[in-house]
N, C-alpha and C. Protein backbone atom coordinates (compact mmCIF):
# COMPACT_ATOMS: atom_id res chain seq x y z
N UNK A 1 1.16 -1.22 -0.13
CA UNK A 1 -0.22 0.04 0.10
C UNK A 1 1.20 1.23 0.24
N UNK A 2 0.53 2.07 -0.74
CA UNK A 2 1.35 3.35 -0.89
C UNK A 2 1.04 4.22 0.04
N UNK A 3 1.65 5.30 0.51
CA UNK A 3 1.74 6.48 1.65
C UNK A 3 0.59 6.99 1.77
N UNK A 4 0.23 7.19 0.37
CA UNK A 4 -1.25 8.01 0.40
C UNK A 4 -2.50 7.26 0.50
N UNK A 5 -2.30 6.08 0.41
CA UNK A 5 -3.59 5.21 0.58
C UNK A 5 -3.68 4.69 2.07
N UNK A 6 -2.38 4.72 2.76
CA UNK A 6 -2.19 4.23 4.28
C UNK A 6 -2.96 5.68 4.78
N UNK A 7 -2.21 6.58 4.71
CA UNK A 7 -2.93 7.86 5.33
C UNK A 7 -4.50 7.69 5.09
N UNK A 8 -4.88 7.94 3.90
CA UNK A 8 -6.54 7.59 3.65
C UNK A 8 -7.13 6.46 4.54
N UNK A 9 -6.36 5.32 4.61
CA UNK A 9 -7.29 4.44 5.50
C UNK A 9 -7.17 4.82 6.70
N UNK A 10 -5.92 5.28 7.38
CA UNK A 10 -6.16 5.59 8.77
C UNK A 10 -7.08 6.50 9.04
N UNK A 11 -7.49 7.76 8.36
CA UNK A 11 -8.34 8.69 8.32
C UNK A 11 -9.84 8.52 8.26
N UNK A 12 -9.89 7.37 7.12
CA UNK A 12 -11.22 6.86 7.42
C UNK A 12 -11.94 6.27 8.40
N UNK A 13 -10.58 5.31 9.05
CA UNK A 13 -10.79 4.24 10.11
C UNK A 13 -11.05 5.02 11.55
N UNK A 14 -10.28 6.15 11.75
CA UNK A 14 -10.55 6.98 13.12
C UNK A 14 -11.79 7.70 12.55
N UNK A 15 -12.36 8.19 11.74
CA UNK A 15 -14.04 8.93 11.34
C UNK A 15 -14.74 7.19 11.70
N UNK A 16 -14.51 6.59 11.23
CA UNK A 16 -15.38 5.31 11.71
C UNK A 16 -15.47 4.91 12.89
N UNK A 17 -14.51 4.92 13.70
CA UNK A 17 -14.50 4.34 14.61
C UNK A 17 -15.04 5.61 15.78
N UNK A 18 -14.75 6.73 15.49
CA UNK A 18 -15.69 7.62 16.06
C UNK A 18 -17.30 7.72 15.93
N UNK A 19 -17.31 7.40 14.64
CA UNK A 19 -19.08 7.29 14.34
C UNK A 19 -19.91 6.27 15.24
N UNK A 20 -19.10 5.27 15.46
CA UNK A 20 -19.31 4.34 16.38
C UNK A 20 -19.53 4.19 17.85
N UNK A 21 -18.95 5.76 18.33
CA UNK A 21 -19.33 6.23 19.56
C UNK A 21 -17.99 6.33 20.64
N UNK A 22 -17.18 5.59 19.66
CA UNK A 22 -15.93 5.33 20.61
C UNK A 22 -15.31 6.43 20.69
N UNK A 23 -15.05 6.58 21.75
CA UNK A 23 -13.93 7.83 22.08
C UNK A 23 -12.71 7.70 21.41
N UNK A 24 -11.91 8.63 20.95
CA UNK A 24 -10.76 8.91 20.47
C UNK A 24 -9.80 9.87 21.04
N UNK A 25 -8.99 9.97 21.92
CA UNK A 25 -8.86 11.14 22.43
C UNK A 25 -7.15 11.57 22.00
N UNK A 26 -6.45 10.63 20.87
CA UNK A 26 -5.16 11.13 20.54
C UNK A 26 -5.39 12.19 19.65
N UNK A 27 -4.14 12.86 19.33
CA UNK A 27 -4.18 13.58 18.41
C UNK A 27 -2.66 13.08 17.46
N UNK A 28 -2.61 13.72 16.53
CA UNK A 28 -1.45 13.54 15.57
C UNK A 28 0.29 13.61 15.98
N UNK A 29 0.16 14.11 17.31
CA UNK A 29 1.64 14.73 18.11
C UNK A 29 1.73 13.05 19.05
N UNK A 30 0.39 12.38 19.57
CA UNK A 30 0.86 11.14 20.37
C UNK A 30 0.22 11.52 21.50
N UNK A 31 -0.39 12.44 21.69
CA UNK A 31 -0.55 13.18 23.20
C UNK A 31 -2.16 12.51 23.57
N UNK A 32 -2.34 11.89 25.01
CA UNK A 32 -3.59 11.49 25.14
C UNK A 32 -4.26 12.27 26.31
N UNK A 33 -5.35 13.19 25.89
CA UNK A 33 -6.02 14.23 26.67
C UNK A 33 -6.89 13.53 27.78
N UNK A 34 -7.65 12.22 27.17
CA UNK A 34 -8.34 11.83 28.24
C UNK A 34 -9.99 12.53 28.21
N UNK A 35 -10.28 12.54 29.24
CA UNK A 35 -11.54 13.58 29.03
C UNK A 35 -11.22 14.87 29.59
N UNK A 36 -9.96 15.56 29.60
CA UNK A 36 -9.70 16.64 29.54
C UNK A 36 -9.65 17.59 28.71
N UNK A 37 -10.59 18.76 29.13
CA UNK A 37 -10.76 19.82 27.90
C UNK A 37 -10.11 21.15 27.75
N UNK A 38 -9.41 21.49 29.19
CA UNK A 38 -8.77 22.57 29.43
C UNK A 38 -7.28 22.31 30.28
N UNK A 39 -6.33 23.38 30.04
CA UNK A 39 -5.42 23.18 30.81
C UNK A 39 -5.00 24.41 31.35
N UNK A 40 -4.02 24.66 32.27
CA UNK A 40 -3.73 25.59 32.90
C UNK A 40 -1.99 25.82 32.97
N UNK A 41 -1.55 26.76 32.76
CA UNK A 41 0.07 26.68 33.29
C UNK A 41 0.09 27.81 34.20
N UNK A 42 0.23 27.71 35.44
CA UNK A 42 0.77 28.77 36.66
C UNK A 42 2.31 29.18 36.53
N UNK A 43 1.84 30.46 36.59
CA UNK A 43 3.40 31.04 36.04
C UNK A 43 4.71 30.37 36.99
N UNK A 44 5.73 29.82 36.25
CA UNK A 44 6.87 29.25 36.82
C UNK A 44 7.64 30.36 37.71
N UNK A 45 7.64 29.98 38.82
CA UNK A 45 8.23 31.21 39.75
C UNK A 45 9.90 30.63 39.57
N UNK A 46 10.74 31.85 39.24
CA UNK A 46 11.94 31.96 39.09
C UNK A 46 13.32 31.83 40.55
N UNK A 47 13.38 30.85 41.03
CA UNK A 47 13.97 30.49 42.29
C UNK A 47 15.47 29.79 41.53
N UNK A 48 16.14 29.75 40.65
CA UNK A 48 17.55 30.02 40.18
C UNK A 48 18.72 30.40 41.46
N UNK A 49 18.68 31.71 41.79
CA UNK A 49 19.57 32.30 42.49
C UNK A 49 19.71 31.55 43.88
N UNK A 50 18.80 30.83 44.34
CA UNK A 50 18.81 30.10 45.39
C UNK A 50 19.49 29.01 45.48
N UNK A 51 20.02 28.41 44.09
CA UNK A 51 20.96 27.20 43.77
C UNK A 51 22.36 27.80 43.67
N UNK A 52 23.02 26.97 44.39
CA UNK A 52 24.91 27.25 44.33
C UNK A 52 25.07 27.25 42.75
N UNK A 53 25.93 28.65 42.32
CA UNK A 53 26.36 28.72 40.93
C UNK A 53 25.75 29.02 40.22
N UNK A 54 24.17 29.43 40.48
CA UNK A 54 22.94 29.50 39.29
C UNK A 54 23.16 31.21 39.90
N UNK A 55 22.75 31.73 38.38
CA UNK A 55 22.14 33.43 38.62
C UNK A 55 20.70 33.61 38.45
N UNK A 56 20.31 34.70 38.83
CA UNK A 56 19.00 34.95 38.35
C UNK A 56 18.88 35.41 36.67
N UNK A 57 17.61 35.24 36.04
CA UNK A 57 17.66 35.77 34.67
C UNK A 57 16.60 36.51 34.87
N UNK A 58 16.41 37.85 34.59
CA UNK A 58 14.84 38.60 34.52
C UNK A 58 14.17 38.37 33.45
N UNK A 59 12.95 37.78 33.38
CA UNK A 59 12.06 37.34 32.78
C UNK A 59 12.04 36.14 32.64
N UNK A 60 13.04 34.91 32.73
CA UNK A 60 12.95 33.93 32.17
C UNK A 60 11.65 33.15 32.52
N UNK A 61 11.06 33.53 33.80
CA UNK A 61 9.56 32.92 34.30
C UNK A 61 9.07 33.11 33.27
N UNK A 62 8.66 34.40 32.99
CA UNK A 62 7.59 34.73 31.88
C UNK A 62 7.72 33.98 30.52
N UNK A 63 9.18 34.14 30.01
CA UNK A 63 9.31 33.06 28.85
C UNK A 63 8.96 31.70 28.97
N UNK A 64 9.54 31.10 29.92
CA UNK A 64 9.33 29.82 30.14
C UNK A 64 8.18 29.31 30.07
N UNK A 65 7.17 30.27 31.05
CA UNK A 65 5.38 29.93 31.34
C UNK A 65 5.00 29.99 29.79
N UNK A 66 5.66 31.00 29.02
CA UNK A 66 4.64 30.85 27.69
C UNK A 66 5.16 29.78 26.68
N UNK A 67 6.69 29.35 26.92
CA UNK A 67 6.94 28.44 25.87
C UNK A 67 5.74 27.42 26.39
N UNK A 68 5.85 26.91 27.67
CA UNK A 68 4.98 25.71 28.10
C UNK A 68 3.61 25.81 27.14
N UNK A 69 2.78 27.19 27.44
CA UNK A 69 1.40 26.88 27.06
C UNK A 69 1.62 27.20 25.53
N UNK A 70 2.47 27.74 24.88
CA UNK A 70 2.36 27.36 23.34
C UNK A 70 2.74 26.29 22.83
N UNK A 71 3.30 25.01 23.96
CA UNK A 71 3.51 23.52 23.29
C UNK A 71 2.34 23.17 23.35
N UNK A 72 1.77 23.26 24.28
CA UNK A 72 0.41 22.38 24.76
C UNK A 72 -0.66 23.05 23.96
N UNK A 73 -0.58 24.44 23.49
CA UNK A 73 -1.95 24.95 22.27
C UNK A 73 -1.45 24.17 20.96
N UNK A 74 -0.17 24.34 20.77
CA UNK A 74 0.13 23.60 19.51
C UNK A 74 -0.45 21.95 19.09
N UNK A 75 0.15 21.37 20.14
CA UNK A 75 0.11 19.96 20.35
C UNK A 75 -1.19 18.97 21.04
N UNK A 76 -1.94 20.39 21.28
CA UNK A 76 -3.48 18.97 21.92
C UNK A 76 -4.52 20.43 21.34
N UNK A 77 -5.90 19.57 21.69
CA UNK A 77 -6.94 20.59 21.07
C UNK A 77 -7.69 20.59 22.62
N UNK A 78 -6.78 21.29 23.60
CA UNK A 78 -7.42 21.78 24.83
C UNK A 78 -7.14 23.05 24.85
N UNK A 79 -8.31 23.46 25.48
CA UNK A 79 -8.23 24.96 25.78
C UNK A 79 -7.63 25.59 26.81
N UNK A 80 -6.87 26.89 26.84
CA UNK A 80 -6.19 27.24 27.98
C UNK A 80 -7.29 27.85 28.92
N UNK A 81 -6.69 27.95 30.04
CA UNK A 81 -7.49 28.88 30.78
C UNK A 81 -6.86 29.26 32.36
N UNK A 82 -7.21 30.29 32.95
CA UNK A 82 -6.40 31.09 33.93
C UNK A 82 -6.75 30.22 35.45
N UNK A 83 -7.67 29.33 35.43
CA UNK A 83 -7.70 29.04 36.59
C UNK A 83 -8.91 27.92 36.24
N UNK A 84 -8.99 26.90 37.57
CA UNK A 84 -9.70 25.62 37.60
C UNK A 84 -9.27 24.55 35.96
N UNK A 85 -8.17 24.40 35.91
CA UNK A 85 -7.85 24.20 34.59
C UNK A 85 -8.15 22.03 35.10
N UNK A 86 -8.33 21.64 33.56
CA UNK A 86 -8.70 20.31 34.06
C UNK A 86 -7.03 19.66 34.18
N UNK A 87 -6.38 19.93 33.75
CA UNK A 87 -4.40 19.55 33.59
C UNK A 87 -3.89 21.17 34.05
N UNK A 88 -3.36 21.09 35.11
CA UNK A 88 -2.27 22.25 35.41
C UNK A 88 -1.07 21.62 35.99
N UNK A 89 -0.16 22.39 35.28
CA UNK A 89 1.36 22.55 35.37
C UNK A 89 1.20 23.92 36.33
N UNK A 90 2.77 23.42 37.32
CA UNK A 90 2.99 24.44 38.01
C UNK A 90 4.90 23.91 38.29
N UNK A 91 5.34 25.15 38.77
CA UNK A 91 6.64 24.72 39.46
C UNK A 91 7.30 25.98 39.43
N UNK A 92 9.03 25.61 39.57
CA UNK A 92 9.66 26.78 39.79
C UNK A 92 11.14 26.45 38.81
N UNK A 93 11.41 27.27 38.43
CA UNK A 93 12.88 27.29 37.82
C UNK A 93 13.77 27.51 39.18
N UNK A 94 14.52 26.10 39.02
CA UNK A 94 15.50 26.01 40.15
C UNK A 94 16.79 26.05 39.88
N UNK A 95 17.40 25.90 38.65
CA UNK A 95 18.78 26.31 38.23
C UNK A 95 18.96 27.01 37.26
N UNK A 96 19.45 27.76 36.86
CA UNK A 96 20.22 28.61 35.48
C UNK A 96 21.50 29.03 35.69
N UNK A 97 22.48 28.43 35.04
CA UNK A 97 23.92 28.55 35.29
C UNK A 97 24.83 28.07 34.46
N UNK A 98 25.62 28.96 34.31
CA UNK A 98 26.97 28.34 33.36
C UNK A 98 28.37 28.13 33.65
N UNK A 99 28.98 26.87 33.26
CA UNK A 99 29.47 26.28 33.32
C UNK A 99 30.78 25.97 32.41
N UNK A 100 32.36 26.34 32.72
CA UNK A 100 32.96 25.70 31.35
C UNK A 100 32.96 24.20 31.28
N UNK A 101 32.80 24.27 30.04
CA UNK A 101 32.98 22.71 29.68
C UNK A 101 34.29 21.72 29.38
N UNK A 102 35.03 22.57 28.41
CA UNK A 102 36.19 22.08 27.59
C UNK A 102 37.59 23.08 27.86
N UNK A 103 38.66 22.79 27.86
CA UNK A 103 39.71 23.87 28.03
C UNK A 103 40.57 23.63 26.99
N UNK A 104 41.36 24.66 26.84
CA UNK A 104 42.07 24.97 25.89
C UNK A 104 43.82 24.70 26.40
N UNK A 105 44.77 24.54 25.32
CA UNK A 105 46.09 24.33 26.06
C UNK A 105 46.56 25.43 26.82
N UNK A 106 46.03 26.41 26.94
CA UNK A 106 46.69 27.42 27.68
C UNK A 106 45.78 27.76 29.04
N UNK A 107 44.88 26.15 29.38
CA UNK A 107 43.84 26.13 30.55
C UNK A 107 43.09 26.83 30.75
N UNK A 108 42.54 27.86 29.53
CA UNK A 108 41.30 28.57 29.59
C UNK A 108 40.33 27.90 28.83
N UNK A 109 39.07 28.26 29.32
CA UNK A 109 37.92 27.60 29.01
C UNK A 109 37.39 27.61 27.08
N UNK A 110 37.29 26.63 26.48
CA UNK A 110 37.02 26.85 25.07
C UNK A 110 35.60 26.73 24.70
N UNK A 111 34.49 25.92 25.60
CA UNK A 111 33.42 26.48 25.55
C UNK A 111 32.65 25.90 26.93
N UNK A 112 31.51 26.69 26.56
CA UNK A 112 30.95 27.08 28.23
C UNK A 112 29.72 26.22 27.94
N UNK A 113 28.38 26.02 28.81
CA UNK A 113 27.26 25.49 29.26
C UNK A 113 26.60 26.10 29.88
N UNK A 114 25.37 26.46 29.30
CA UNK A 114 24.17 26.71 30.12
C UNK A 114 23.16 25.69 30.35
N UNK A 115 23.09 25.95 31.66
CA UNK A 115 22.01 24.71 32.08
C UNK A 115 20.89 25.22 32.74
N UNK A 116 19.66 25.07 32.70
CA UNK A 116 18.53 25.15 33.24
C UNK A 116 18.00 24.32 33.51
N UNK A 117 17.06 24.09 34.63
CA UNK A 117 16.65 23.45 35.33
C UNK A 117 15.18 23.51 36.09
N UNK A 118 14.17 23.02 35.76
CA UNK A 118 12.85 23.40 36.49
C UNK A 118 12.37 22.17 37.22
N UNK A 119 11.58 22.49 38.20
CA UNK A 119 10.93 21.73 39.05
C UNK A 119 9.14 21.77 38.60
N UNK A 120 8.72 20.67 37.96
CA UNK A 120 7.13 20.53 37.90
C UNK A 120 6.25 19.84 38.68
N UNK A 121 5.28 20.39 38.90
CA UNK A 121 3.90 19.80 39.57
C UNK A 121 2.89 19.51 38.37
N UNK A 122 2.43 18.23 37.87
CA UNK A 122 1.64 18.02 37.28
C UNK A 122 0.19 17.34 38.18
N UNK A 123 -0.90 17.91 37.44
CA UNK A 123 -2.17 17.78 38.44
C UNK A 123 -2.99 17.61 36.92
N UNK A 124 -3.77 16.15 37.05
CA UNK A 124 -4.64 15.77 36.48
C UNK A 124 -5.97 15.43 37.01
N UNK A 125 -6.86 16.22 36.48
CA UNK A 125 -8.09 16.55 37.33
C UNK A 125 -9.17 15.56 36.99
N UNK A 126 -9.07 14.99 35.90
CA UNK A 126 -9.81 13.81 35.20
C UNK A 126 -9.35 12.25 35.69
N UNK A 127 -7.71 12.52 35.47
CA UNK A 127 -7.08 11.04 36.32
C UNK A 127 -5.93 11.40 37.06
N UNK A 128 -6.55 10.93 38.11
CA UNK A 128 -5.10 11.54 39.46
C UNK A 128 -4.18 10.72 39.60
N UNK A 129 -4.46 9.95 39.10
CA UNK A 129 -2.94 8.71 39.37
C UNK A 129 -2.05 8.78 38.32
N UNK A 130 -2.14 10.06 37.83
CA UNK A 130 -1.00 10.46 36.48
C UNK A 130 -0.20 11.27 37.23
N UNK A 131 -1.14 11.68 38.17
CA UNK A 131 0.03 13.27 38.86
C UNK A 131 1.35 13.15 38.88
N UNK A 132 2.39 14.06 39.07
CA UNK A 132 3.86 13.64 39.16
C UNK A 132 4.30 15.20 39.68
N UNK A 133 5.34 14.82 40.09
CA UNK A 133 6.23 16.13 40.61
C UNK A 133 7.61 15.38 40.31
N UNK A 134 8.37 16.22 39.12
CA UNK A 134 9.73 15.92 38.81
C UNK A 134 10.37 17.17 37.91
N UNK A 135 11.82 16.59 38.28
CA UNK A 135 12.83 17.84 37.81
C UNK A 135 13.12 17.30 36.11
N UNK A 136 13.19 18.59 35.52
CA UNK A 136 13.52 18.43 34.07
C UNK A 136 14.90 19.40 34.08
N UNK A 137 15.63 19.13 32.89
CA UNK A 137 16.88 19.91 32.78
C UNK A 137 17.15 19.62 31.29
N UNK A 138 17.80 20.62 30.64
CA UNK A 138 18.48 20.76 29.84
C UNK A 138 19.57 21.86 29.67
N UNK A 139 20.65 21.91 28.70
CA UNK A 139 21.74 22.75 28.33
C UNK A 139 22.03 22.79 27.05
N UNK A 140 22.48 23.98 27.00
CA UNK A 140 23.47 24.71 25.64
C UNK A 140 24.44 24.85 25.47
N UNK A 141 25.29 24.91 24.72
CA UNK A 141 26.72 24.83 24.52
C UNK A 141 27.43 25.82 23.59
N UNK A 142 28.15 26.85 24.14
CA UNK A 142 28.55 27.62 22.93
C UNK A 142 29.92 28.17 23.39
N UNK A 143 30.20 28.78 22.53
CA UNK A 143 32.03 28.82 22.36
C UNK A 143 32.20 30.17 23.72
N UNK A 144 33.46 29.59 24.20
CA UNK A 144 33.96 30.33 25.45
C UNK A 144 34.14 31.76 25.16
N UNK A 145 34.32 31.98 23.91
CA UNK A 145 34.95 33.48 23.48
C UNK A 145 33.40 34.10 22.87
N UNK A 146 32.18 33.62 23.17
CA UNK A 146 30.65 34.36 23.11
C UNK A 146 30.48 34.73 24.40
N UNK A 147 29.64 35.98 24.65
CA UNK A 147 29.06 36.38 25.55
C UNK A 147 27.74 35.91 25.52
N UNK A 148 27.29 35.23 26.74
CA UNK A 148 25.94 34.91 26.76
C UNK A 148 24.41 35.57 25.72
N UNK A 149 24.86 37.05 26.47
CA UNK A 149 23.70 37.56 25.86
C UNK A 149 23.99 37.61 24.05
N UNK A 150 24.79 37.50 23.59
CA UNK A 150 25.08 36.66 21.90
C UNK A 150 24.50 35.74 21.47
N UNK A 151 24.14 34.42 22.48
CA UNK A 151 23.32 33.44 21.89
C UNK A 151 22.59 33.04 22.91
N UNK A 152 21.96 34.05 23.90
CA UNK A 152 20.85 33.87 24.80
C UNK A 152 19.48 33.49 23.98
N UNK A 153 19.24 33.96 22.82
CA UNK A 153 18.27 33.74 22.29
C UNK A 153 18.42 32.54 21.93
N UNK A 154 18.94 31.89 21.06
CA UNK A 154 19.14 30.50 20.58
C UNK A 154 19.25 29.40 21.51
N UNK A 155 19.98 29.90 22.55
CA UNK A 155 20.27 28.62 24.01
C UNK A 155 18.88 28.73 24.71
N UNK A 156 17.81 29.96 25.00
CA UNK A 156 16.70 29.61 25.37
C UNK A 156 15.59 28.97 24.31
N UNK A 157 15.46 28.92 23.10
CA UNK A 157 14.79 28.26 22.24
C UNK A 157 15.34 26.82 22.08
N UNK A 158 16.01 26.10 22.58
CA UNK A 158 16.80 25.34 22.36
C UNK A 158 16.31 24.35 23.59
N UNK A 159 16.71 25.35 24.40
CA UNK A 159 16.22 24.57 26.22
C UNK A 159 14.57 24.22 26.44
N UNK A 160 14.29 25.04 25.95
CA UNK A 160 13.13 25.47 26.43
C UNK A 160 12.01 24.31 25.21
N UNK A 161 12.52 24.04 24.49
CA UNK A 161 11.92 23.28 23.60
C UNK A 161 12.13 22.33 24.13
N UNK A 162 13.48 21.80 24.75
CA UNK A 162 13.83 20.42 25.20
C UNK A 162 13.02 19.65 25.88
N UNK A 163 12.62 21.22 27.31
CA UNK A 163 12.41 20.71 28.52
C UNK A 163 10.65 20.73 28.06
N UNK A 164 10.04 21.87 27.80
CA UNK A 164 8.65 21.45 27.48
C UNK A 164 8.23 20.20 26.72
N UNK A 165 9.00 19.64 25.74
CA UNK A 165 8.75 18.61 25.24
C UNK A 165 8.72 17.11 26.08
N UNK A 166 9.84 17.66 26.93
CA UNK A 166 9.77 16.51 28.45
C UNK A 166 8.70 16.22 28.96
N UNK A 167 8.42 17.78 29.31
CA UNK A 167 7.16 17.59 30.10
C UNK A 167 5.77 17.23 29.42
N UNK A 168 5.51 17.36 28.27
CA UNK A 168 4.46 17.18 27.43
C UNK A 168 4.85 15.57 27.71
N UNK A 169 5.97 15.24 27.42
CA UNK A 169 5.69 13.24 27.02
C UNK A 169 5.34 12.55 28.53
N UNK A 170 5.86 13.46 29.63
CA UNK A 170 5.39 13.06 30.71
C UNK A 170 4.20 12.92 31.26
N UNK A 171 3.50 13.87 30.66
CA UNK A 171 2.29 14.23 31.48
C UNK A 171 1.22 13.64 30.17
N UNK A 172 1.53 13.83 29.00
CA UNK A 172 0.24 13.28 27.93
C UNK A 172 0.86 12.38 26.94
N UNK A 173 1.91 12.08 26.57
CA UNK A 173 2.22 10.68 25.78
C UNK A 173 1.72 9.52 26.16
N UNK A 174 1.91 9.17 27.40
CA UNK A 174 1.74 7.70 28.19
C UNK A 174 3.15 6.86 27.86
N UNK A 175 4.34 7.78 27.67
CA UNK A 175 5.25 6.77 27.07
C UNK A 175 6.06 6.08 28.76
């Protein structure tokens, strides 16, 4: 069967199953929302400066919260709400630090690593046995002769994409 025929077969099967009254709550990204209709992302507080070696990055809390909201909006059919969501995401940014990674022959850093970690609490009001609290982190490596300001946009984009996708997978992908 060629690819177009396979896709048509899958689409027809999904519509046929839904027409028989069987509830299908998977979307094309693989997320299962169950009986949930809405989600809420409570603004992630930035507590990174309380972790040894970490610094406070102004606006990071809002940027990360928006990145998680956007991912959930784009990868699910759930509506976003500011209160009483069926699915609730909350947490804190607990680490934001730069560390030297590799050295040159002159004993100076050749590469730096920006690491960010968040602690997430997830509550599913329609299926409470899947609630969790977990730490997620990712990093971005960049040349030591570059200032963080010059790579920050790309670094945040990559780190946010990875962390938010891991949160999505843990909370909705049933992996």
